[in-house]
Protein backbone atom coordinates (compact mmCIF):
# COMPACT_ATOMS: atom_id res chain seq x y z
CA UNK A 1 -43.29 34.32 52.49
CA UNK A 2 -41.58 34.45 49.69
CA UNK A 3 -43.36 34.92 46.27
CA UNK A 4 -41.33 33.55 42.76
CA UNK A 5 -41.78 36.51 40.22
CA UNK A 6 -40.55 36.56 36.67
CA UNK A 7 -39.58 40.00 35.26
CA UNK A 8 -38.32 41.20 32.47
CA UNK A 9 -35.47 44.09 32.30
CA UNK A 10 -33.99 45.05 29.45
CA UNK A 11 -34.87 42.14 27.14
CA UNK A 12 -33.64 39.94 30.31
CA UNK A 13 -35.80 37.50 31.74
CA UNK A 14 -35.54 37.25 35.64
CA UNK A 15 -36.41 34.96 38.03
CA UNK A 16 -37.15 36.78 41.59
CA UNK A 17 -38.12 35.46 44.64
CA UNK A 18 -39.13 38.42 47.14
CA UNK A 19 -41.51 38.59 50.33
CA UNK A 20 -42.79 41.82 48.12
CA UNK A 21 -46.44 41.99 46.58
CA UNK A 22 -46.12 41.13 42.81
CA UNK A 23 -47.58 44.36 41.59
CA UNK A 24 -44.19 46.32 43.80
CA UNK A 25 -41.43 44.09 42.51
CA UNK A 26 -43.02 44.26 38.97
CA UNK A 27 -43.09 48.20 39.09
CA UNK A 28 -38.99 47.87 40.60
CA UNK A 29 -39.14 45.84 37.25
CA UNK A 30 -40.22 48.80 35.02
CA UNK A 31 -38.79 51.68 36.95
CA UNK A 32 -35.52 50.09 35.82
CA UNK A 33 -36.14 49.03 32.78
CA UNK A 34 -37.15 52.59 31.79
CA UNK A 35 -34.06 53.93 33.12
CA UNK A 36 -31.81 51.73 31.37
CA UNK A 37 -33.47 51.69 28.00
CA UNK A 38 -33.66 55.69 28.41
CA UNK A 39 -29.93 55.99 29.22
CA UNK A 40 -29.32 53.59 25.85
CA UNK A 41 -31.64 55.72 23.88
CA UNK A 42 -29.48 59.05 25.02
CA UNK A 43 -26.04 57.62 24.74
CA UNK A 44 -25.69 55.49 22.09
CA UNK A 45 -22.10 54.36 23.21
CA UNK A 46 -23.99 53.13 26.01
CA UNK A 47 -24.41 49.70 25.67
CA UNK A 48 -27.19 47.94 28.06
CA UNK A 49 -24.86 46.53 30.35
CA UNK A 50 -23.42 49.89 31.18
CA UNK A 51 -26.17 51.27 31.35
CA UNK A 52 -27.48 48.94 34.27
CA UNK A 53 -24.53 49.43 36.23
CA UNK A 54 -24.74 52.91 36.02
CA UNK A 55 -28.50 53.13 37.27
CA UNK A 56 -26.25 50.39 40.13
CA UNK A 57 -24.47 52.88 41.18
CA UNK A 58 -26.95 56.08 41.12
CA UNK A 59 -29.31 54.09 43.50
CA UNK A 60 -26.63 52.79 45.69
CA UNK A 61 -25.48 56.28 46.00
CA UNK A 62 -29.47 57.42 46.78
CA UNK A 63 -29.58 54.30 49.45
CA UNK A 64 -26.25 55.54 51.10
CA UNK A 65 -26.54 58.79 51.28
CA UNK A 66 -30.73 58.54 52.58
CA UNK A 67 -29.44 56.13 54.83
CA UNK A 68 -26.38 58.89 56.13
CA UNK A 69 -29.43 61.64 56.16
CA UNK A 70 -31.74 59.47 58.51
CA UNK A 71 -28.65 58.33 60.88
CA UNK A 72 -28.50 62.62 61.29
CA UNK A 73 -32.01 62.96 61.53
CA UNK A 74 -32.00 60.11 64.05
CA UNK A 75 -28.50 61.98 66.04
CA UNK A 76 -30.72 65.25 65.72
CA UNK A 77 -34.01 63.79 67.28
CA UNK A 78 -31.99 62.11 70.46
CA UNK A 79 -30.35 65.38 70.79
CA UNK A 80 -33.42 67.20 71.00
CA UNK A 81 -34.84 64.21 73.25
CA UNK A 82 -31.92 64.83 75.87
CA UNK A 83 -31.91 69.45 75.54
CA UNK A 84 -35.83 68.20 76.67
CA UNK A 85 -34.87 66.36 79.24
CA UNK A 86 -31.97 68.86 80.47
CA UNK A 87 -34.47 72.06 80.46
CA UNK A 88 -37.34 70.42 81.82
CA UNK A 89 -34.87 69.17 84.38
CA UNK A 90 -34.30 73.15 84.80
CA UNK A 91 -37.79 74.42 84.51
CA UNK A 92 -38.46 71.72 88.35
CA UNK A 93 -36.07 72.73 89.47
CA UNK A 94 -36.35 76.81 89.02
CA UNK A 95 -40.05 76.17 89.67
CA UNK A 96 -39.17 74.02 93.52
CA UNK A 97 -36.73 77.17 94.21
CA UNK A 98 -39.48 79.71 93.54
CA UNK A 99 -42.07 77.44 95.44
CA UNK A 100 -39.53 77.40 98.46
CA UNK A 101 -39.78 81.14 98.38
């Protein structure tokens, strides 16, 4: 069931609906707030909106790369399963030929 949480990110209060636990949602907000503040502090020409957009792009980039990596690992797993099945059949065939002698 979705719960409503109020978080503050970079001085802006947001009301969020989430299926996640409060600690998790507040933790996410804290991480984003920290990243935005660090970016603004390290680059005086970067305002909070720009920093928020850069954070969004960084996290989207990470998510897409992780998704691609996961898809690649799943494909490798599936290929390994198929290869394993092929090798088991080959082994069974060799055993049958050996026992037929």
